[in-house]
Amino acid sequence: MTVLQESAPTRQAPPAARRGIVVVHGSRQHWLMRAVLVVLAVLFLVWAANLAPFRVGQMTNVFVIAIAIAGLNLVTGYTGLLSIGHSAFFGLGAYTTGILVTRYELAPLATVPVAIVLGFAVGLAVGLPSLRIKGLYLALVTLAVGVSFPEIVRRAEDLTGGAAGLVIRSRFLAPPEWTGLVRAERGLWMFWLSALVLVVVMVLARSIVRSRFGLAMQAVRDNEIAAAANGVDVARTKILVFGVSGAITALAGALFAQYVGALSPDGSFTLLKSIELITGLVLGGVATTAGPLVGAFAVVFLPQLTGSFSTGPLSGVVFGVVLIAIVFLMPEGIVGRATIWLRRVLTILPADHPDVTRRSSPPS
């Protein structure tokens, strides 16, 4: 139901024009709908966890990518700052976990807070240029960050393994003893861990967007001059959102390192990863809560789906045509378009809406 409230604002139709189901926010029906959605999500996770190991790994990859897209969504979707270098934050989190586990034998979960702090610090630094430049010029700065990261990894050979990559032995990635899972069930452990972290990140992102800071982010996106005139600290908002976005994307990278167990600068940390994240954000729906998850499903499974209809170079052409068709038919993204369709049959009104108060007030 969050998607219904966070989509692009539309004028509420008069009571006579409304069709379908009308639900008051916070009412018993509203909470029942939320409970049904939660139950369906839990059932889906239980079903997915019992699939073949390959499919479970694909689902884990979807969750990890969705976390990274959620971080990008804060800075690009809600604040309007185009970033093409989020692959650097993703790689920073992954190599932080890889180095701490292989060099210092830290538990994989213990490396996650370190990756988050480093992602936040680097995000603040990358956000500094946004104080003076914006638009395509800011995109070029983030592009330079994304391009330079693989080269930095190659040159820091003693620490990162250089071009040869960094391999994390499976004994370091075994599930914690308290889970009751053995080393052979690492895939199942990463599935549930990634799913839980994704839920936390989505709730956190939703809370941020609905806070005063979230309102400041959206004000900066819509009109910086008007936002500053109304007391919004534009510089602070831009820098902080880059930091938070970098921290969330680095968190995704840390989970990715635990999932794959092998890192390479030419593997998942080039500009192709940034393009993948941006593609997922656009396909899922910019500035929506569920958009990152839907977009992650799209970038993981769409290439396989289009590849099943064609082989060789033609499969890439088919994939490109499908992407163009989706963007053309659904410029709001899949979640945005689904929200428009859903609003035709379901309307959620706030508790203080005039129609609600008029209906509940006793006749004079």
Protein backbone atom coordinates (compact mmCIF):
# COMPACT_ATOMS: atom_id res chain seq x y z
CA MET A 1 0.00 0.00 0.00
CA THR A 2 3.00 2.27 0.30
CA VAL A 3 3.19 2.55 -3.45
CA LEU A 4 -0.28 4.00 -3.55
CA GLN A 5 0.76 6.87 -1.33
CA GLU A 6 4.19 7.64 -2.77
CA SER A 7 3.43 7.82 -6.47
CA ALA A 8 3.17 11.10 -8.29
CA PRO A 9 0.50 13.20 -6.57
CA THR A 10 -2.84 13.35 -8.32
CA ARG A 11 -5.91 15.41 -7.57
CA GLN A 12 -8.42 13.50 -5.48
CA ALA A 13 -11.59 12.83 -7.44
CA PRO A 14 -14.90 14.03 -5.97
CA PRO A 15 -16.97 11.39 -4.16
CA ALA A 16 -19.36 10.99 -7.09
CA ALA A 17 -16.48 10.33 -9.50
CA ARG A 18 -14.77 7.69 -7.38
CA ARG A 19 -15.30 4.10 -8.38
CA GLY A 20 -14.35 0.82 -6.81
CA ILE A 21 -13.26 0.29 -3.23
CA VAL A 22 -12.61 3.22 -0.88
CA VAL A 23 -10.49 2.48 2.19
CA VAL A 24 -9.54 4.89 4.98
CA HIS A 25 -5.88 4.92 5.93
CA GLY A 26 -5.37 3.33 9.34
CA SER A 27 -8.78 1.67 9.36
CA ARG A 28 -9.39 -2.01 10.06
CA GLN A 29 -9.73 -2.72 6.34
CA HIS A 30 -6.45 -0.95 5.64
CA TRP A 31 -4.58 -2.98 8.25
CA LEU A 32 -6.19 -6.17 6.94
CA MET A 33 -4.94 -5.38 3.44
CA ARG A 34 -1.45 -4.83 4.79
CA ALA A 35 -1.59 -8.11 6.70
CA VAL A 36 -2.63 -9.95 3.55
CA LEU A 37 0.30 -8.46 1.63
CA VAL A 38 2.71 -9.49 4.38
CA VAL A 39 1.37 -13.04 4.40
CA LEU A 40 1.66 -13.26 0.62
CA ALA A 41 5.25 -11.99 0.77
CA VAL A 42 6.17 -14.58 3.43
CA LEU A 43 4.55 -17.36 1.42
CA PHE A 44 6.47 -16.27 -1.66
CA LEU A 45 9.78 -16.34 0.23
CA VAL A 46 9.05 -19.78 1.64
CA TRP A 47 8.19 -21.03 -1.84
CA ALA A 48 11.30 -19.47 -3.38
CA ALA A 49 13.56 -20.90 -0.65
CA ASN A 50 12.48 -24.41 -1.65
CA LEU A 51 13.36 -24.02 -5.32
CA ALA A 52 16.42 -25.57 -6.96
CA PRO A 53 19.75 -24.16 -5.67
CA PHE A 54 20.32 -22.32 -8.94
CA ARG A 55 16.96 -20.54 -8.67
CA VAL A 56 17.59 -19.75 -5.01
CA GLY A 57 20.88 -18.14 -6.06
CA GLN A 58 19.05 -16.08 -8.67
CA MET A 59 16.59 -14.85 -6.07
CA THR A 60 19.48 -13.91 -3.77
CA ASN A 61 21.00 -11.93 -6.63
CA VAL A 62 17.68 -10.16 -7.12
CA PHE A 63 17.54 -9.15 -3.45
CA VAL A 64 21.13 -7.87 -3.47
CA ILE A 65 20.58 -5.81 -6.62
CA ALA A 66 17.31 -4.46 -5.20
CA ILE A 67 19.18 -3.17 -2.14
CA ALA A 68 21.69 -1.39 -4.37
CA ILE A 69 18.89 0.12 -6.50
CA ALA A 70 17.14 1.30 -3.32
CA GLY A 71 20.28 3.26 -2.46
CA LEU A 72 20.41 4.75 -5.95
CA ASN A 73 16.71 5.57 -5.75
CA LEU A 74 17.25 7.90 -2.79
CA VAL A 75 19.80 10.07 -4.54
CA THR A 76 18.45 9.91 -8.11
CA GLY A 77 14.75 9.17 -7.73
CA TYR A 78 13.85 11.27 -4.69
CA THR A 79 16.54 13.97 -4.84
CA GLY A 80 17.03 14.26 -8.60
CA LEU A 81 20.83 13.89 -8.56
CA LEU A 82 21.89 11.62 -11.43
CA SER A 83 24.65 9.24 -10.35
CA ILE A 84 26.38 6.96 -12.85
CA GLY A 85 29.08 5.83 -10.45
CA HIS A 86 27.19 3.72 -7.93
CA SER A 87 29.14 0.68 -9.07
CA ALA A 88 32.03 2.18 -7.07
CA PHE A 89 30.00 2.10 -3.83
CA PHE A 90 28.91 -1.44 -4.66
CA GLY A 91 32.51 -2.50 -5.22
CA LEU A 92 33.71 -0.65 -2.11
CA GLY A 93 31.35 -2.64 0.08
CA ALA A 94 32.27 -5.91 -1.61
CA TYR A 95 36.04 -5.41 -1.32
CA THR A 96 35.72 -4.20 2.27
CA THR A 97 34.10 -7.49 3.19
CA GLY A 98 36.52 -9.50 1.05
CA ILE A 99 39.63 -7.88 2.52
CA LEU A 100 38.50 -8.04 6.13
CA VAL A 101 37.51 -11.70 5.80
CA THR A 102 40.58 -12.93 3.91
CA ARG A 103 43.27 -10.75 5.50
CA TYR A 104 41.99 -10.42 9.04
CA GLU A 105 39.63 -13.42 9.26
CA LEU A 106 36.70 -11.39 10.54
CA ALA A 107 33.26 -12.94 10.50
CA PRO A 108 31.41 -11.89 7.32
CA LEU A 109 28.57 -10.28 9.28
CA ALA A 110 31.08 -8.27 11.32
CA THR A 111 32.38 -6.64 8.14
CA VAL A 112 28.98 -5.27 7.13
CA PRO A 113 29.00 -2.27 9.54
CA VAL A 114 32.50 -1.35 8.34
CA ALA A 115 31.32 -1.44 4.72
CA ILE A 116 28.34 0.77 5.60
CA VAL A 117 30.52 3.36 7.36
CA LEU A 118 33.03 3.46 4.49
CA GLY A 119 30.21 3.75 1.94
CA PHE A 120 28.72 6.63 3.92
CA ALA A 121 32.08 8.45 4.16
CA VAL A 122 32.90 8.04 0.47
CA GLY A 123 29.35 9.04 -0.40
CA LEU A 124 29.77 12.31 1.50
CA ALA A 125 32.97 12.99 -0.44
CA VAL A 126 31.35 12.22 -3.78
CA GLY A 127 28.41 14.46 -2.87
CA LEU A 128 30.61 17.51 -2.35
CA PRO A 129 30.74 18.43 -6.08
CA SER A 130 26.93 18.52 -6.12
CA LEU A 131 27.13 21.79 -4.17
CA ARG A 132 28.50 23.61 -7.21
CA ILE A 133 27.39 21.55 -10.20
CA LYS A 134 24.30 19.60 -11.18
CA GLY A 135 22.69 17.81 -14.07
CA LEU A 136 24.96 16.26 -16.66
CA TYR A 137 28.05 17.85 -15.09
CA LEU A 138 27.38 16.04 -11.82
CA ALA A 139 26.74 12.85 -13.78
CA LEU A 140 30.21 13.21 -15.33
CA VAL A 141 31.78 13.49 -11.87
CA THR A 142 30.06 10.33 -10.68
CA LEU A 143 31.03 8.69 -13.98
CA ALA A 144 34.66 9.43 -13.22
CA VAL A 145 34.27 7.79 -9.80
CA GLY A 146 32.80 4.68 -11.36
CA VAL A 147 35.52 4.47 -14.02
CA SER A 148 38.38 4.99 -11.56
CA PHE A 149 37.30 2.34 -9.03
CA PRO A 150 38.37 -0.76 -11.03
CA GLU A 151 41.72 0.87 -11.79
CA ILE A 152 42.29 1.61 -8.10
CA VAL A 153 41.56 -2.02 -7.29
CA ARG A 154 44.08 -3.20 -9.88
CA ARG A 155 46.83 -0.94 -8.55
CA ALA A 156 46.26 -1.91 -4.90
CA GLU A 157 47.38 -5.44 -5.69
CA ASP A 158 48.79 -6.24 -2.26
CA LEU A 159 45.44 -5.51 -0.63
CA THR A 160 42.82 -6.40 -3.23
CA GLY A 161 44.57 -9.05 -5.29
CA GLY A 162 44.75 -6.74 -8.29
CA ALA A 163 43.58 -7.96 -11.67
CA ALA A 164 43.82 -11.57 -10.48
CA GLY A 165 40.92 -10.95 -8.11
CA LEU A 166 40.20 -11.87 -4.51
CA VAL A 167 38.84 -15.27 -3.50
CA ILE A 168 37.11 -15.81 -0.17
CA ARG A 169 37.42 -19.41 0.98
CA SER A 170 34.16 -21.19 1.63
CA ARG A 171 35.11 -21.99 5.23
CA PHE A 172 35.01 -18.25 6.00
CA LEU A 173 31.55 -17.93 4.45
CA ALA A 174 29.88 -20.79 6.31
CA PRO A 175 26.55 -19.88 7.96
CA PRO A 176 26.79 -18.92 11.64
CA GLU A 177 26.37 -21.77 14.06
CA TRP A 178 23.23 -20.26 15.61
CA THR A 179 21.40 -20.73 12.29
CA GLY A 180 21.69 -24.51 12.45
CA LEU A 181 22.79 -24.57 8.79
CA VAL A 182 25.87 -26.37 7.53
CA ARG A 183 28.43 -25.07 5.05
CA ALA A 184 26.67 -26.78 2.14
CA GLU A 185 23.57 -24.68 2.89
CA ARG A 186 25.34 -21.34 2.45
CA GLY A 187 23.09 -20.50 -0.50
CA LEU A 188 19.99 -20.83 1.67
CA TRP A 189 21.58 -18.72 4.41
CA MET A 190 22.42 -15.94 1.95
CA PHE A 191 18.88 -16.08 0.55
CA TRP A 192 17.26 -15.40 3.90
CA LEU A 193 19.91 -12.90 4.98
CA SER A 194 19.53 -10.88 1.76
CA ALA A 195 15.74 -11.01 1.99
CA LEU A 196 15.78 -9.76 5.59
CA VAL A 197 18.22 -6.95 4.80
CA LEU A 198 16.12 -5.93 1.80
CA VAL A 199 13.02 -5.63 4.00
CA VAL A 200 14.94 -3.50 6.50
CA VAL A 201 16.31 -1.27 3.73
CA MET A 202 12.87 -0.80 2.15
CA VAL A 203 11.35 0.15 5.52
CA LEU A 204 14.27 2.49 6.21
CA ALA A 205 13.96 4.14 2.78
CA ARG A 206 10.22 4.57 3.28
CA SER A 207 10.80 6.18 6.68
CA ILE A 208 13.43 8.52 5.26
CA VAL A 209 11.19 9.62 2.40
CA ARG A 210 8.31 10.37 4.78
CA SER A 211 10.48 12.29 7.25
CA ARG A 212 11.32 15.99 7.18
CA PHE A 213 14.60 15.11 5.53
CA GLY A 214 12.67 13.21 2.84
CA LEU A 215 10.50 16.25 2.19
CA ALA A 216 13.67 18.31 1.83
CA MET A 217 15.05 15.77 -0.68
CA GLN A 218 11.95 16.01 -2.83
CA ALA A 219 11.90 19.79 -2.57
CA VAL A 220 15.48 19.92 -3.84
CA ARG A 221 14.52 17.63 -6.70
CA ASP A 222 11.53 19.75 -7.73
CA ASN A 223 13.03 23.22 -7.36
CA GLU A 224 16.28 24.04 -5.57
CA ILE A 225 15.67 27.79 -5.49
CA ALA A 226 12.19 27.44 -4.03
CA ALA A 227 13.47 24.87 -1.52
CA ALA A 228 16.23 27.21 -0.33
CA ALA A 229 13.76 30.10 -0.11
CA ASN A 230 11.58 28.00 2.19
CA GLY A 231 14.40 27.22 4.60
CA VAL A 232 15.72 23.92 3.20
CA ASP A 233 19.48 23.50 3.66
CA VAL A 234 20.15 22.39 0.07
CA ALA A 235 23.87 21.72 0.58
CA ARG A 236 23.33 19.59 3.67
CA THR A 237 20.52 17.65 1.99
CA LYS A 238 22.59 16.83 -1.09
CA ILE A 239 25.66 15.71 0.82
CA LEU A 240 23.75 13.62 3.35
CA VAL A 241 21.63 11.85 0.74
CA PHE A 242 24.79 10.90 -1.16
CA GLY A 243 26.20 9.51 2.08
CA VAL A 244 23.09 7.49 2.91
CA SER A 245 22.84 6.25 -0.67
CA GLY A 246 26.49 5.21 -0.67
CA ALA A 247 26.06 3.38 2.64
CA ILE A 248 23.06 1.37 1.38
CA THR A 249 24.79 0.49 -1.89
CA ALA A 250 27.95 -0.55 -0.02
CA LEU A 251 25.76 -2.76 2.17
CA ALA A 252 24.55 -4.48 -0.99
CA GLY A 253 28.16 -4.92 -2.10
CA ALA A 254 29.07 -6.54 1.22
CA LEU A 255 26.26 -9.05 0.80
CA PHE A 256 27.32 -9.65 -2.80
CA ALA A 257 30.85 -10.55 -1.69
CA GLN A 258 29.46 -13.09 0.78
CA TYR A 259 27.19 -14.48 -1.92
CA VAL A 260 29.70 -14.98 -4.76
CA GLY A 261 32.90 -15.47 -2.70
CA ALA A 262 35.11 -14.24 -5.55
CA LEU A 263 35.79 -10.62 -6.53
CA SER A 264 37.36 -9.18 -9.66
CA PRO A 265 37.69 -5.53 -10.76
CA ASP A 266 36.57 -6.49 -14.26
CA GLY A 267 33.61 -8.50 -13.02
CA SER A 268 30.71 -6.79 -11.26
CA PHE A 269 32.20 -3.39 -10.45
CA THR A 270 32.53 -1.70 -13.83
CA LEU A 271 30.19 0.85 -15.39
CA LEU A 272 28.05 -2.02 -16.61
CA LYS A 273 26.92 -2.50 -13.01
CA SER A 274 25.98 1.19 -12.78
CA ILE A 275 24.02 0.89 -16.01
CA GLU A 276 22.31 -2.21 -14.63
CA LEU A 277 21.28 -0.33 -11.49
CA ILE A 278 19.97 2.65 -13.45
CA THR A 279 18.09 0.33 -15.81
CA GLY A 280 16.49 -1.46 -12.89
CA LEU A 281 15.50 1.85 -11.30
CA VAL A 282 13.84 3.12 -14.49
CA LEU A 283 12.08 -0.16 -15.26
CA GLY A 284 10.81 -0.66 -11.71
CA GLY A 285 9.70 2.91 -11.16
CA VAL A 286 11.61 6.01 -10.08
CA ALA A 287 10.74 7.38 -6.62
CA THR A 288 8.64 4.38 -5.57
CA THR A 289 9.18 2.01 -2.66
CA ALA A 290 8.62 -1.25 -4.54
CA GLY A 291 10.32 -0.04 -7.73
CA PRO A 292 13.82 -1.27 -6.79
CA LEU A 293 12.58 -4.80 -6.14
CA VAL A 294 10.54 -4.99 -9.35
CA GLY A 295 13.42 -3.46 -11.30
CA ALA A 296 15.85 -6.02 -9.86
CA PHE A 297 13.58 -8.83 -11.02
CA ALA A 298 13.53 -7.23 -14.46
CA VAL A 299 17.30 -6.88 -14.90
CA VAL A 300 17.93 -10.42 -13.64
CA PHE A 301 15.21 -12.36 -15.42
CA LEU A 302 14.46 -10.31 -18.56
CA PRO A 303 17.75 -11.20 -20.30
CA GLN A 304 17.06 -14.89 -19.66
CA LEU A 305 13.49 -14.56 -20.88
CA THR A 306 14.48 -12.81 -24.10
CA GLY A 307 17.37 -15.23 -24.55
CA SER A 308 14.92 -18.12 -24.58
CA PHE A 309 13.34 -16.73 -27.76
CA SER A 310 16.60 -16.12 -29.62
CA THR A 311 20.27 -17.07 -29.50
CA GLY A 312 23.58 -15.36 -30.12
CA PRO A 313 23.79 -11.62 -30.81
CA LEU A 314 20.11 -11.55 -31.71
CA SER A 315 19.19 -12.13 -28.04
CA GLY A 316 20.79 -8.81 -27.12
CA VAL A 317 18.77 -7.08 -29.83
CA VAL A 318 15.55 -8.63 -28.54
CA PHE A 319 16.43 -7.57 -24.99
CA GLY A 320 17.00 -3.99 -26.17
CA VAL A 321 13.69 -3.94 -28.03
CA VAL A 322 11.87 -5.20 -24.92
CA LEU A 323 13.49 -2.47 -22.80
CA ILE A 324 12.48 0.23 -25.29
CA ALA A 325 8.93 -1.13 -25.39
CA ILE A 326 8.63 -1.13 -21.59
CA VAL A 327 9.95 2.42 -21.29
CA PHE A 328 7.69 3.61 -24.12
CA LEU A 329 4.54 1.93 -22.80
CA MET A 330 5.31 2.49 -19.11
CA PRO A 331 7.27 5.74 -18.72
CA GLU A 332 6.35 5.72 -15.01
CA GLY A 333 7.95 2.30 -14.60
CA ILE A 334 6.23 -0.99 -13.93
CA VAL A 335 5.25 -0.04 -10.38
CA GLY A 336 4.10 3.42 -11.45
CA ARG A 337 1.87 2.01 -14.17
CA ALA A 338 0.51 -0.68 -11.85
CA THR A 339 -0.34 2.05 -9.33
CA ILE A 340 -2.32 3.97 -11.96
CA TRP A 341 -4.30 0.84 -12.82
CA LEU A 342 -4.86 -0.02 -9.18
CA ARG A 343 -6.19 3.44 -8.39
CA ARG A 344 -9.04 2.79 -10.79
CA VAL A 345 -10.42 0.12 -8.48
CA LEU A 346 -9.01 1.12 -5.08
CA THR A 347 -8.76 4.50 -3.36
CA ILE A 348 -7.06 5.04 0.00
CA LEU A 349 -8.09 8.22 1.77
CA PRO A 350 -6.26 9.76 4.75
CA ALA A 351 -8.18 9.77 8.01
CA ASP A 352 -8.48 13.57 7.95
CA HIS A 353 -9.83 13.73 4.40
CA PRO A 354 -12.99 15.88 4.14
CA ASP A 355 -15.01 12.97 2.75
CA VAL A 356 -14.06 10.81 5.74
CA THR A 357 -14.75 13.47 8.37
CA ARG A 358 -18.02 14.40 6.67
CA ARG A 359 -19.12 10.76 6.68
CA SER A 360 -18.16 10.18 10.33
CA SER A 361 -19.56 13.43 11.75
CA PRO A 362 -23.10 13.17 13.19
CA PRO A 363 -25.82 15.04 11.32
CA SER A 364 -26.74 18.38 12.82
